[in-house]
Amino acid sequence: MTPVGGALEVPGAVAAAALDRLRRAVADLDAVVVAFSGGADSALLAAICHEQLGDAAVAVTAVSPSLAGAELDDCARLTSSWGMTWERVDTLEMESAAYRPWHLERSSDRGHPLILAFHVTTG
């Protein structure tokens, strides 16, 4: 494997072998719930779980103000196109006093209207 543009280039045979191992591991399961953010990693896992387990595989997306609406729409579209059961779960994390300061600290876009509104209302 050689670095290409800051990432590792994985030869096709290595990737194929890894996918085969993943498929076999998933096929041994009775059922699975995949935490599905819509990103590449969880999308690959969700697709393989659905491929191997059919209706026994369910994708679940945590929904909160920190998840962009377009990302939620993408999750719905992807799972629908696969014919996979998808559920959204409202996390209500902004109601947690422990989460709110952490969310503000990790936000790289402190000028976002929602971040500013939250900061004004909570001090």
N, C-alpha and C. Protein backbone atom coordinates (compact mmCIF):
# COMPACT_ATOMS: atom_id res chain seq x y z
N MET A 1 0.85 -1.18 0.00
CA MET A 1 0.00 0.00 0.00
C MET A 1 0.89 1.23 0.00
N THR A 2 0.54 2.19 -0.82
CA THR A 2 1.35 3.39 -0.93
C THR A 2 0.49 4.62 -0.71
N PRO A 3 1.04 5.63 -0.01
CA PRO A 3 0.28 6.86 0.18
C PRO A 3 0.04 7.56 -1.15
N VAL A 4 -1.18 8.01 -1.36
CA VAL A 4 -1.53 8.77 -2.56
C VAL A 4 -2.35 9.96 -2.09
N GLY A 5 -1.81 11.14 -2.26
CA GLY A 5 -2.56 12.34 -1.85
C GLY A 5 -2.93 12.34 -0.39
N GLY A 6 -2.08 11.81 0.47
CA GLY A 6 -2.35 11.80 1.90
C GLY A 6 -3.19 10.63 2.36
N ALA A 7 -3.63 9.78 1.45
CA ALA A 7 -4.44 8.62 1.82
C ALA A 7 -3.74 7.36 1.35
N LEU A 8 -4.14 6.24 1.91
CA LEU A 8 -3.56 4.98 1.48
C LEU A 8 -4.31 4.44 0.28
N GLU A 9 -3.57 3.98 -0.69
CA GLU A 9 -4.16 3.33 -1.85
C GLU A 9 -4.19 1.83 -1.55
N VAL A 10 -5.36 1.25 -1.56
CA VAL A 10 -5.51 -0.16 -1.24
C VAL A 10 -5.65 -0.94 -2.54
N PRO A 11 -4.75 -1.88 -2.78
CA PRO A 11 -4.88 -2.68 -4.00
C PRO A 11 -6.22 -3.40 -4.05
N GLY A 12 -6.73 -3.59 -5.27
CA GLY A 12 -8.04 -4.21 -5.45
C GLY A 12 -8.19 -5.55 -4.77
N ALA A 13 -7.16 -6.39 -4.80
CA ALA A 13 -7.25 -7.71 -4.19
C ALA A 13 -7.39 -7.60 -2.68
N VAL A 14 -6.72 -6.64 -2.07
CA VAL A 14 -6.81 -6.44 -0.62
C VAL A 14 -8.21 -5.98 -0.25
N ALA A 15 -8.74 -5.02 -1.00
CA ALA A 15 -10.09 -4.51 -0.74
C ALA A 15 -11.13 -5.61 -0.94
N ALA A 16 -10.99 -6.40 -1.98
CA ALA A 16 -11.93 -7.48 -2.25
C ALA A 16 -11.90 -8.52 -1.14
N ALA A 17 -10.71 -8.85 -0.64
CA ALA A 17 -10.60 -9.82 0.45
C ALA A 17 -11.23 -9.28 1.72
N ALA A 18 -11.04 -8.00 2.00
CA ALA A 18 -11.63 -7.39 3.19
C ALA A 18 -13.16 -7.39 3.09
N LEU A 19 -13.69 -7.07 1.91
CA LEU A 19 -15.14 -7.09 1.73
C LEU A 19 -15.70 -8.50 1.85
N ASP A 20 -14.98 -9.48 1.35
CA ASP A 20 -15.42 -10.88 1.49
C ASP A 20 -15.48 -11.28 2.96
N ARG A 21 -14.46 -10.89 3.74
CA ARG A 21 -14.45 -11.21 5.18
C ARG A 21 -15.62 -10.53 5.88
N LEU A 22 -15.89 -9.28 5.52
CA LEU A 22 -17.00 -8.56 6.12
C LEU A 22 -18.32 -9.23 5.76
N ARG A 23 -18.50 -9.59 4.51
CA ARG A 23 -19.74 -10.26 4.09
C ARG A 23 -19.95 -11.56 4.86
N ARG A 24 -18.89 -12.34 5.03
CA ARG A 24 -19.01 -13.61 5.77
C ARG A 24 -19.36 -13.37 7.23
N ALA A 25 -18.74 -12.37 7.83
CA ALA A 25 -19.02 -12.06 9.24
C ALA A 25 -20.47 -11.62 9.42
N VAL A 26 -20.96 -10.78 8.52
CA VAL A 26 -22.34 -10.30 8.60
C VAL A 26 -23.31 -11.44 8.35
N ALA A 27 -23.01 -12.30 7.40
CA ALA A 27 -23.90 -13.41 7.06
C ALA A 27 -24.11 -14.36 8.24
N ASP A 28 -23.17 -14.38 9.18
CA ASP A 28 -23.29 -15.24 10.36
C ASP A 28 -24.22 -14.66 11.42
N LEU A 29 -24.65 -13.42 11.26
CA LEU A 29 -25.52 -12.77 12.24
C LEU A 29 -26.98 -13.09 11.94
N ASP A 30 -27.79 -13.07 13.00
CA ASP A 30 -29.23 -13.27 12.81
C ASP A 30 -29.90 -11.98 12.35
N ALA A 31 -29.46 -10.88 12.95
CA ALA A 31 -30.03 -9.56 12.64
C ALA A 31 -29.02 -8.51 13.07
N VAL A 32 -29.19 -7.30 12.54
CA VAL A 32 -28.26 -6.23 12.88
C VAL A 32 -28.96 -4.88 12.74
N VAL A 33 -28.56 -3.95 13.61
CA VAL A 33 -28.96 -2.56 13.50
C VAL A 33 -27.68 -1.77 13.25
N VAL A 34 -27.67 -1.01 12.16
CA VAL A 34 -26.48 -0.25 11.78
C VAL A 34 -26.70 1.22 12.13
N ALA A 35 -25.79 1.79 12.91
CA ALA A 35 -25.80 3.23 13.17
C ALA A 35 -25.37 3.91 11.88
N PHE A 36 -26.31 4.56 11.21
CA PHE A 36 -26.12 5.04 9.84
C PHE A 36 -26.09 6.56 9.79
N SER A 37 -24.90 7.13 9.63
CA SER A 37 -24.76 8.58 9.54
C SER A 37 -24.93 9.09 8.12
N GLY A 38 -24.82 8.18 7.16
CA GLY A 38 -24.86 8.58 5.76
C GLY A 38 -23.47 8.76 5.17
N GLY A 39 -22.45 8.67 6.02
CA GLY A 39 -21.07 8.77 5.55
C GLY A 39 -20.66 7.48 4.85
N ALA A 40 -19.49 7.51 4.26
CA ALA A 40 -19.02 6.38 3.46
C ALA A 40 -18.90 5.10 4.27
N ASP A 41 -18.37 5.19 5.49
CA ASP A 41 -18.16 3.98 6.29
C ASP A 41 -19.48 3.30 6.66
N SER A 42 -20.40 4.10 7.23
CA SER A 42 -21.66 3.49 7.65
C SER A 42 -22.52 3.11 6.45
N ALA A 43 -22.39 3.82 5.33
CA ALA A 43 -23.14 3.46 4.12
C ALA A 43 -22.67 2.11 3.59
N LEU A 44 -21.37 1.90 3.56
CA LEU A 44 -20.84 0.61 3.11
C LEU A 44 -21.31 -0.51 4.02
N LEU A 45 -21.21 -0.29 5.32
CA LEU A 45 -21.64 -1.33 6.27
C LEU A 45 -23.14 -1.60 6.14
N ALA A 46 -23.94 -0.55 6.04
CA ALA A 46 -25.39 -0.73 5.91
C ALA A 46 -25.73 -1.50 4.63
N ALA A 47 -25.10 -1.13 3.53
CA ALA A 47 -25.37 -1.80 2.26
C ALA A 47 -25.01 -3.28 2.32
N ILE A 48 -23.88 -3.60 2.90
CA ILE A 48 -23.47 -5.00 3.00
C ILE A 48 -24.38 -5.77 3.95
N CYS A 49 -24.76 -5.15 5.06
CA CYS A 49 -25.68 -5.82 5.99
C CYS A 49 -27.01 -6.11 5.31
N HIS A 50 -27.51 -5.14 4.55
CA HIS A 50 -28.78 -5.36 3.83
C HIS A 50 -28.61 -6.44 2.76
N GLU A 51 -27.50 -6.40 2.06
CA GLU A 51 -27.22 -7.40 1.03
C GLU A 51 -27.21 -8.81 1.62
N GLN A 52 -26.62 -8.96 2.79
CA GLN A 52 -26.46 -10.29 3.39
C GLN A 52 -27.67 -10.73 4.21
N LEU A 53 -28.37 -9.79 4.85
CA LEU A 53 -29.43 -10.15 5.80
C LEU A 53 -30.82 -9.72 5.38
N GLY A 54 -30.93 -8.94 4.32
CA GLY A 54 -32.25 -8.50 3.87
C GLY A 54 -32.98 -7.72 4.95
N ASP A 55 -34.22 -8.11 5.22
CA ASP A 55 -35.06 -7.40 6.18
C ASP A 55 -34.57 -7.51 7.62
N ALA A 56 -33.62 -8.38 7.89
CA ALA A 56 -33.07 -8.51 9.24
C ALA A 56 -32.01 -7.45 9.52
N ALA A 57 -31.75 -6.59 8.55
CA ALA A 57 -30.82 -5.47 8.73
C ALA A 57 -31.61 -4.17 8.70
N VAL A 58 -31.40 -3.35 9.72
CA VAL A 58 -32.09 -2.07 9.84
C VAL A 58 -31.05 -0.97 10.03
N ALA A 59 -31.21 0.12 9.32
CA ALA A 59 -30.33 1.28 9.49
C ALA A 59 -31.04 2.29 10.38
N VAL A 60 -30.30 2.89 11.30
CA VAL A 60 -30.85 3.87 12.23
C VAL A 60 -29.97 5.12 12.20
N THR A 61 -30.62 6.27 12.07
CA THR A 61 -29.89 7.54 12.06
C THR A 61 -30.31 8.38 13.26
N ALA A 62 -29.33 8.85 14.02
CA ALA A 62 -29.59 9.74 15.15
C ALA A 62 -29.88 11.13 14.60
N VAL A 63 -31.02 11.68 14.97
CA VAL A 63 -31.45 12.98 14.45
C VAL A 63 -31.38 14.01 15.57
N SER A 64 -30.68 15.10 15.29
CA SER A 64 -30.55 16.18 16.27
C SER A 64 -30.26 17.47 15.51
N PRO A 65 -30.26 18.59 16.22
CA PRO A 65 -29.93 19.85 15.56
C PRO A 65 -28.51 19.87 14.98
N SER A 66 -27.66 18.97 15.45
CA SER A 66 -26.29 18.96 14.93
C SER A 66 -26.17 18.19 13.61
N LEU A 67 -27.25 17.55 13.17
CA LEU A 67 -27.25 16.84 11.89
C LEU A 67 -27.91 17.71 10.83
N ALA A 68 -27.19 17.97 9.76
CA ALA A 68 -27.73 18.80 8.68
C ALA A 68 -28.92 18.09 8.03
N GLY A 69 -29.95 18.87 7.70
CA GLY A 69 -31.15 18.30 7.07
C GLY A 69 -30.85 17.57 5.78
N ALA A 70 -29.91 18.08 5.00
CA ALA A 70 -29.55 17.43 3.74
C ALA A 70 -28.95 16.05 3.99
N GLU A 71 -28.19 15.91 5.08
CA GLU A 71 -27.61 14.61 5.41
C GLU A 71 -28.71 13.61 5.78
N LEU A 72 -29.71 14.08 6.50
CA LEU A 72 -30.83 13.22 6.86
C LEU A 72 -31.58 12.79 5.60
N ASP A 73 -31.79 13.72 4.68
CA ASP A 73 -32.44 13.39 3.41
C ASP A 73 -31.63 12.36 2.63
N ASP A 74 -30.30 12.51 2.65
CA ASP A 74 -29.44 11.54 1.96
C ASP A 74 -29.59 10.15 2.56
N CYS A 75 -29.67 10.07 3.88
CA CYS A 75 -29.84 8.77 4.55
C CYS A 75 -31.14 8.12 4.09
N ALA A 76 -32.20 8.90 4.06
CA ALA A 76 -33.50 8.37 3.64
C ALA A 76 -33.46 7.90 2.18
N ARG A 77 -32.85 8.71 1.32
CA ARG A 77 -32.78 8.34 -0.10
C ARG A 77 -31.95 7.08 -0.33
N LEU A 78 -30.79 7.02 0.31
CA LEU A 78 -29.92 5.86 0.12
C LEU A 78 -30.61 4.57 0.55
N THR A 79 -31.12 4.56 1.77
CA THR A 79 -31.74 3.33 2.27
C THR A 79 -32.97 2.96 1.45
N SER A 80 -33.72 3.95 1.00
CA SER A 80 -34.87 3.68 0.16
C SER A 80 -34.44 3.05 -1.16
N SER A 81 -33.36 3.57 -1.74
CA SER A 81 -32.89 3.02 -3.02
C SER A 81 -32.40 1.58 -2.87
N TRP A 82 -31.95 1.21 -1.66
CA TRP A 82 -31.52 -0.17 -1.41
C TRP A 82 -32.69 -1.07 -1.03
N GLY A 83 -33.83 -0.46 -0.67
CA GLY A 83 -34.95 -1.24 -0.17
C GLY A 83 -34.74 -1.65 1.28
N MET A 84 -33.92 -0.90 2.00
CA MET A 84 -33.56 -1.22 3.38
C MET A 84 -34.45 -0.46 4.35
N THR A 85 -34.83 -1.11 5.43
CA THR A 85 -35.60 -0.46 6.48
C THR A 85 -34.71 0.58 7.15
N TRP A 86 -35.26 1.79 7.31
CA TRP A 86 -34.50 2.89 7.93
C TRP A 86 -35.38 3.56 8.97
N GLU A 87 -34.80 3.80 10.12
CA GLU A 87 -35.50 4.50 11.20
C GLU A 87 -34.69 5.71 11.61
N ARG A 88 -35.39 6.75 11.99
CA ARG A 88 -34.72 7.92 12.56
C ARG A 88 -35.04 7.96 14.04
N VAL A 89 -34.04 8.30 14.83
CA VAL A 89 -34.19 8.36 16.27
C VAL A 89 -33.81 9.77 16.72
N ASP A 90 -34.76 10.46 17.35
CA ASP A 90 -34.48 11.80 17.86
C ASP A 90 -33.68 11.67 19.15
N THR A 91 -32.49 12.26 19.17
CA THR A 91 -31.60 12.09 20.32
C THR A 91 -31.80 13.12 21.41
N LEU A 92 -32.36 14.26 21.09
CA LEU A 92 -32.63 15.32 22.07
C LEU A 92 -31.39 15.74 22.84
N GLU A 93 -30.22 15.63 22.23
CA GLU A 93 -28.99 15.94 22.95
C GLU A 93 -28.88 17.40 23.38
N MET A 94 -29.54 18.31 22.66
CA MET A 94 -29.47 19.72 23.06
C MET A 94 -30.19 19.97 24.38
N GLU A 95 -31.00 19.02 24.82
CA GLU A 95 -31.65 19.14 26.11
C GLU A 95 -30.72 18.75 27.25
N SER A 96 -29.58 18.19 26.93
CA SER A 96 -28.62 17.75 27.94
C SER A 96 -27.65 18.89 28.27
N ALA A 97 -27.60 19.28 29.53
CA ALA A 97 -26.67 20.33 29.94
C ALA A 97 -25.23 19.91 29.71
N ALA A 98 -24.95 18.64 29.76
CA ALA A 98 -23.58 18.15 29.55
C ALA A 98 -23.17 18.25 28.08
N TYR A 99 -24.12 18.13 27.16
CA TYR A 99 -23.80 18.13 25.74
C TYR A 99 -23.60 19.54 25.19
N ARG A 100 -24.43 20.47 25.61
CA ARG A 100 -24.44 21.80 24.99
C ARG A 100 -23.08 22.49 24.99
N PRO A 101 -22.38 22.58 26.11
CA PRO A 101 -21.06 23.25 26.05
C PRO A 101 -20.07 22.49 25.15
N TRP A 102 -20.12 21.17 25.16
CA TRP A 102 -19.24 20.36 24.31
C TRP A 102 -19.53 20.66 22.85
N HIS A 103 -20.80 20.75 22.50
CA HIS A 103 -21.19 21.02 21.12
C HIS A 103 -20.65 22.39 20.68
N LEU A 104 -20.76 23.38 21.54
CA LEU A 104 -20.25 24.71 21.20
C LEU A 104 -18.74 24.70 21.04
N GLU A 105 -18.04 23.97 21.90
CA GLU A 105 -16.59 23.92 21.83
C GLU A 105 -16.10 23.24 20.56
N ARG A 106 -16.79 22.20 20.10
CA ARG A 106 -16.31 21.46 18.94
C ARG A 106 -16.78 22.06 17.63
N SER A 107 -17.70 23.01 17.69
CA SER A 107 -18.20 23.61 16.45
C SER A 107 -17.12 24.46 15.80
N SER A 108 -16.88 24.20 14.52
CA SER A 108 -15.90 25.00 13.80
C SER A 108 -16.56 26.22 13.16
N ASP A 109 -17.89 26.29 13.26
CA ASP A 109 -18.61 27.39 12.63
C ASP A 109 -19.38 28.15 13.71
N ARG A 110 -18.67 28.88 14.54
CA ARG A 110 -19.31 29.58 15.65
C ARG A 110 -20.20 30.73 15.18
N GLY A 111 -20.10 31.10 13.90
CA GLY A 111 -20.92 32.16 13.37
C GLY A 111 -22.26 31.67 12.84
N HIS A 112 -22.49 30.37 12.88
CA HIS A 112 -23.75 29.80 12.38
C HIS A 112 -24.90 30.34 13.23
N PRO A 113 -26.01 30.74 12.61
CA PRO A 113 -27.13 31.33 13.36
C PRO A 113 -27.63 30.47 14.51
N LEU A 114 -27.66 29.15 14.34
CA LEU A 114 -28.13 28.30 15.43
C LEU A 114 -27.17 28.33 16.61
N ILE A 115 -25.88 28.36 16.33
CA ILE A 115 -24.89 28.42 17.40
C ILE A 115 -24.99 29.76 18.12
N LEU A 116 -25.12 30.85 17.36
CA LEU A 116 -25.24 32.16 17.98
C LEU A 116 -26.52 32.26 18.81
N ALA A 117 -27.63 31.76 18.29
CA ALA A 117 -28.89 31.81 19.03
C ALA A 117 -28.79 31.01 20.31
N PHE A 118 -28.16 29.87 20.26
CA PHE A 118 -28.00 29.05 21.46
C PHE A 118 -27.14 29.79 22.47
N HIS A 119 -26.05 30.39 22.01
CA HIS A 119 -25.13 31.09 22.91
C HIS A 119 -25.83 32.27 23.59
N VAL A 120 -26.65 33.00 22.84
CA VAL A 120 -27.36 34.15 23.39
C VAL A 120 -28.36 33.70 24.45
N THR A 121 -29.08 32.61 24.20
CA THR A 121 -30.12 32.19 25.14
C THR A 121 -29.55 31.50 26.37
N THR A 122 -28.35 30.96 26.30
CA THR A 122 -27.80 30.24 27.45
C THR A 122 -26.69 31.01 28.15
N GLY A 123 -26.23 32.07 27.52
CA GLY A 123 -25.18 32.87 28.13
C GLY A 123 -23.85 32.28 27.89
